[in-house]
N, C-alpha and C. Protein backbone atom coordinates (compact mmCIF):
# COMPACT_ATOMS: atom_id res chain seq x y z
N MET A 1 8.82 -8.18 16.98
CA MET A 1 9.28 -8.42 16.12
C MET A 1 9.04 -7.41 14.78
N GLN A 2 10.39 -6.52 14.65
CA GLN A 2 9.69 -5.40 13.32
C GLN A 2 10.80 -5.90 12.30
N ILE A 3 9.63 -5.63 11.00
CA ILE A 3 10.38 -5.86 9.71
C ILE A 3 10.82 -4.18 9.06
N ASP A 4 11.88 -4.37 8.44
CA ASP A 4 12.05 -2.98 7.85
C ASP A 4 11.74 -3.12 6.63
N LEU A 5 10.85 -2.69 5.89
CA LEU A 5 10.32 -2.79 4.90
C LEU A 5 10.98 -1.92 3.53
N ASN A 6 11.38 -0.91 3.92
CA ASN A 6 12.53 -0.78 3.25
C ASN A 6 13.85 -0.78 3.07
N SER A 7 14.12 -2.13 3.04
CA SER A 7 15.42 -2.62 2.91
C SER A 7 15.27 -3.73 1.56
N GLY A 8 16.64 -3.98 1.15
CA GLY A 8 16.58 -4.94 -0.19
C GLY A 8 16.12 -4.19 -1.40
N GLN A 9 15.53 -5.17 -1.86
CA GLN A 9 14.75 -5.03 -3.13
C GLN A 9 14.23 -3.71 -3.37
N ALA A 10 13.49 -3.24 -2.44
CA ALA A 10 12.67 -1.90 -2.44
C ALA A 10 13.72 -0.72 -2.74
N GLN A 11 14.54 -0.88 -1.74
CA GLN A 11 15.59 0.28 -1.71
C GLN A 11 16.28 0.13 -3.00
N GLN A 12 16.91 -1.05 -3.47
CA GLN A 12 17.59 -0.82 -5.03
C GLN A 12 16.53 -0.87 -6.22
N ALA A 13 15.35 -0.76 -6.25
CA ALA A 13 14.39 -0.38 -7.31
C ALA A 13 14.33 1.36 -7.21
N GLN A 14 14.20 1.71 -5.92
CA GLN A 14 14.29 3.24 -5.46
C GLN A 14 15.44 3.68 -6.09
N SER A 15 16.32 3.29 -6.18
CA SER A 15 17.80 4.31 -6.50
C SER A 15 17.99 3.60 -8.26
N GLN A 16 17.18 3.01 -8.64
CA GLN A 16 17.48 2.82 -9.77
C GLN A 16 16.19 3.47 -10.76
N GLY A 17 15.22 4.51 -9.87
CA GLY A 17 14.44 4.98 -10.36
C GLY A 17 13.17 4.31 -10.84
N GLN A 18 12.60 3.44 -10.03
CA GLN A 18 11.79 2.23 -10.84
C GLN A 18 10.81 2.14 -8.98
N ASP A 19 9.54 2.10 -9.27
CA ASP A 19 8.22 2.04 -8.46
C ASP A 19 8.41 0.95 -7.74
N PRO A 20 8.48 0.60 -6.54
CA PRO A 20 8.93 -0.81 -5.84
C PRO A 20 7.79 -1.24 -5.64
N ARG A 21 6.42 -0.17 -5.62
CA ARG A 21 5.05 -1.15 -5.14
C ARG A 21 4.69 -2.08 -6.50
N PHE A 22 4.00 -2.96 -6.20
CA PHE A 22 3.23 -4.14 -6.80
C PHE A 22 1.91 -3.32 -7.38
N ALA A 23 1.59 -3.19 -8.62
CA ALA A 23 0.58 -2.23 -9.32
C ALA A 23 -0.66 -3.53 -9.39
N ILE A 24 -1.55 -3.45 -9.05
CA ILE A 24 -2.81 -4.35 -9.31
C ILE A 24 -3.54 -3.78 -10.48
N PRO A 25 -4.53 -3.94 -11.73
CA PRO A 25 -5.08 -3.08 -12.37
C PRO A 25 -6.54 -3.52 -11.85
N VAL A 26 -7.42 -2.42 -11.51
CA VAL A 26 -8.62 -3.14 -10.67
C VAL A 26 -9.85 -2.09 -11.96
N PRO A 27 -10.37 -2.41 -12.56
CA PRO A 27 -11.29 -2.28 -13.65
C PRO A 27 -12.57 -1.16 -12.67
N GLY A 28 -12.73 0.18 -13.14
CA GLY A 28 -14.16 0.80 -12.77
C GLY A 28 -13.55 1.56 -11.53
N LEU A 29 -12.36 1.60 -11.06
CA LEU A 29 -11.68 2.31 -9.94
C LEU A 29 -11.11 3.34 -10.51
N HIS A 30 -11.33 4.68 -9.72
CA HIS A 30 -11.61 6.03 -10.60
C HIS A 30 -9.96 6.94 -10.03
N SER A 31 -9.28 6.10 -8.93
CA SER A 31 -8.14 6.67 -8.81
C SER A 31 -7.04 5.62 -8.05
N ALA A 32 -5.76 5.52 -7.93
CA ALA A 32 -4.94 4.82 -7.43
C ALA A 32 -5.14 4.61 -6.06
N ILE A 33 -5.01 3.62 -5.29
CA ILE A 33 -4.92 3.58 -3.69
C ILE A 33 -4.13 2.39 -3.19
N GLY A 34 -3.65 2.64 -2.40
CA GLY A 34 -2.96 1.65 -2.01
C GLY A 34 -3.37 0.40 -1.13
N ALA A 35 -2.83 -0.46 -0.93
CA ALA A 35 -3.55 -1.50 -0.13
C ALA A 35 -3.96 -0.83 1.28
N GLY A 36 -2.73 -0.54 1.95
CA GLY A 36 -3.27 -0.17 3.75
C GLY A 36 -4.45 0.84 3.54
N SER A 37 -4.29 1.56 2.81
CA SER A 37 -5.42 2.64 2.24
C SER A 37 -6.91 2.11 2.37
N ALA A 38 -6.70 1.31 1.40
CA ALA A 38 -8.14 0.35 1.11
C ALA A 38 -8.61 -0.61 2.25
N ILE A 39 -7.97 -1.21 3.26
CA ILE A 39 -8.01 -1.74 4.38
C ILE A 39 -8.58 -0.74 5.35
N GLU A 40 -7.83 0.00 5.30
CA GLU A 40 -8.67 1.29 6.45
C GLU A 40 -10.06 1.76 6.17
N ARG A 41 -10.07 2.07 4.67
CA ARG A 41 -11.48 2.40 4.47
C ARG A 41 -12.57 1.39 4.71
N PHE A 42 -12.42 0.05 4.27
CA PHE A 42 -13.17 -1.32 4.71
C PHE A 42 -13.05 -1.42 6.50
N THR A 43 -12.28 -1.37 6.93
CA THR A 43 -12.36 -1.23 8.35
C THR A 43 -13.14 -0.20 8.89
N ARG A 44 -12.80 0.86 8.80
CA ARG A 44 -13.70 1.97 9.06
C ARG A 44 -15.32 1.59 8.88
N ALA A 45 -15.36 1.23 7.75
CA ALA A 45 -16.93 0.92 7.16
C ALA A 45 -17.17 0.13 8.09
N LEU A 46 -16.76 -0.59 8.65
CA LEU A 46 -17.43 -1.75 9.61
C LEU A 46 -17.43 -1.38 10.88
N GLY A 47 -16.74 -0.19 11.53
CA GLY A 47 -17.01 0.69 12.44
C GLY A 47 -15.73 0.28 13.51
N ILE A 48 -14.67 -0.50 12.71
CA ILE A 48 -13.39 -0.76 13.42
C ILE A 48 -12.73 0.62 13.91
N GLU A 49 -12.21 0.89 15.21
CA GLU A 49 -11.31 2.18 15.16
C GLU A 49 -10.16 1.76 14.84
N PRO A 50 -9.31 2.50 14.21
CA PRO A 50 -7.60 2.32 14.14
C PRO A 50 -6.89 2.32 15.60
N CYS A 51 -6.03 1.26 15.51
CA CYS A 51 -5.09 1.63 17.02
C CYS A 51 -3.92 2.10 16.61
N GLY A 52 -2.88 2.18 17.55
CA GLY A 52 -1.74 2.93 17.35
C GLY A 52 -0.66 2.89 16.20
N GLY A 53 -0.46 1.33 15.98
CA GLY A 53 -0.13 0.95 15.06
C GLY A 53 -0.64 0.61 13.63
N CYS A 54 -1.52 1.26 13.50
CA CYS A 54 -2.68 1.05 12.37
C CYS A 54 -1.90 1.94 11.18
N LYS A 55 -1.72 3.06 11.64
CA LYS A 55 -1.22 3.70 10.82
C LYS A 55 0.21 3.56 9.68
N GLN A 56 1.47 3.00 10.79
CA GLN A 56 2.72 2.19 10.18
C GLN A 56 2.14 0.82 9.73
N ARG A 57 1.26 0.49 9.46
CA ARG A 57 0.90 -0.71 8.63
C ARG A 57 0.28 -0.33 7.49
N ARG A 58 -0.98 0.31 7.60
CA ARG A 58 -1.13 1.19 6.33
C ARG A 58 -0.43 1.27 5.42
N ASP A 59 0.51 2.38 6.15
CA ASP A 59 2.22 3.16 5.31
C ASP A 59 2.86 2.34 4.39
N ALA A 60 3.48 0.99 5.40
CA ALA A 60 3.74 -0.04 4.90
C ALA A 60 3.22 -0.86 3.85
N LEU A 61 1.89 -0.98 3.97
CA LEU A 61 1.30 -2.17 2.71
C LEU A 61 1.08 -0.60 1.60
N ASP A 62 0.88 0.34 1.87
CA ASP A 62 0.54 1.29 0.81
C ASP A 62 1.92 1.41 0.10
N ARG A 63 2.93 0.93 0.43
CA ARG A 63 4.67 1.33 -0.08
C ARG A 63 4.52 -0.31 -1.02
N MET A 64 4.08 -0.99 -0.58
CA MET A 64 4.42 -2.71 -1.16
C MET A 64 3.40 -2.74 -2.42
N VAL A 65 1.99 -2.51 -2.21
CA VAL A 65 0.59 -2.82 -3.04
C VAL A 65 -0.01 -1.77 -3.35
N ARG A 66 -0.03 -1.35 -5.00
CA ARG A 66 -1.23 -0.19 -5.36
C ARG A 66 -2.07 -0.92 -6.16
N PHE A 67 -3.31 -0.81 -6.00
CA PHE A 67 -4.55 -1.25 -6.90
C PHE A 67 -4.65 0.18 -7.67
N ASN A 68 -4.55 -0.21 -9.15
CA ASN A 68 -4.29 1.26 -10.05
C ASN A 68 -5.47 0.70 -11.25
N PRO A 69 -6.26 1.73 -11.65
CA PRO A 69 -7.24 1.28 -12.50
C PRO A 69 -6.62 1.33 -13.71
N TRP A 70 -5.19 1.94 -14.03
CA TRP A 70 -4.54 2.17 -15.49
C TRP A 70 -3.25 1.39 -15.57
N ALA A 71 -3.20 0.30 -14.53
CA ALA A 71 -1.85 -0.49 -14.60
C ALA A 71 -2.13 -1.45 -15.87
N THR A 72 -0.79 -1.91 -16.42
CA THR A 72 -0.77 -2.71 -17.16
C THR A 72 -0.15 -4.12 -16.90
């Protein structure tokens, strides 16, 4: 089963010029990073190699959630 993560509210927010991602402030972070990229770094550090669908999941999570050092 596939879920279209670019439908509904995300597309509506994009058409209104808003950022559809949810920004989570993280003190001490030097630059913004998506949730998918953070998970990828963590799993690679554990020695887990990415599979074929990992890039798609990473990109989908990056579009939805972002850890941001300067989010309010």
